[in-house]
Amino acid sequence: SVRESYTHFAAWCITSAPLILGFDLTNATAYNEVYPIVTNALALEINQQWAGHPGALAVSALENFTTHNGTTTVTTFPVWQIWHKPLLPKQGKKTEAVLLINLSEEQRKVHLTYADVQPKLGDNVTATDVWTGNSVQMGIGSTTFSLAPHDSRFLVLQAANTTALLLK
């Protein structure tokens, strides 16, 4: 699905992976579906930016689900994951890319606690949605997002006050 394409591309971006297009470029339907994804300037900036770390898994759900491949192979996955990648500071404030992923087949609430991804962000952050560029309303210390199956939320978090200035 298109939502899964957003999630998949975001996962490559937040882990600083090489970005390679893997579809038939002559297929106009596929091209038109993925073009806004693979040309998103902020997603590409997150992928290419180096602030000392390539990005990594921050936290996973304790609840798991199991998949079967039709034979005897069984694989267990957490129902959701949160990935993070440090970014270069903006206006002298700590900045972090965050990707929340619902891996399951059900709607899930994913609770993002800022200290889980970067304690130096502090409790008061501003957030930008990577795909839309819009500001996202954030709570103090944490925010809960509702994600459809296989959906994600790709954000850039920034410390909102001077108490969480860039400290190494």
Foldseek 3Di string as FASTA:
>chain_A
DLLLLLQVLLVCLQQLHDDDDDDPPVPVVVCVSCVLRVPQPLSNCSSPADDPHRKDWLDFAPDWDWDDPPDPDIDIDGQKTKIKDWGDADPQWTKMKIKIWGQDQAKDKDKDFPVSHPVLLAQDKWKAFSSPRDTDDAHGRIDIDIAHHGGMTIMMIIRPDPSSGDDD
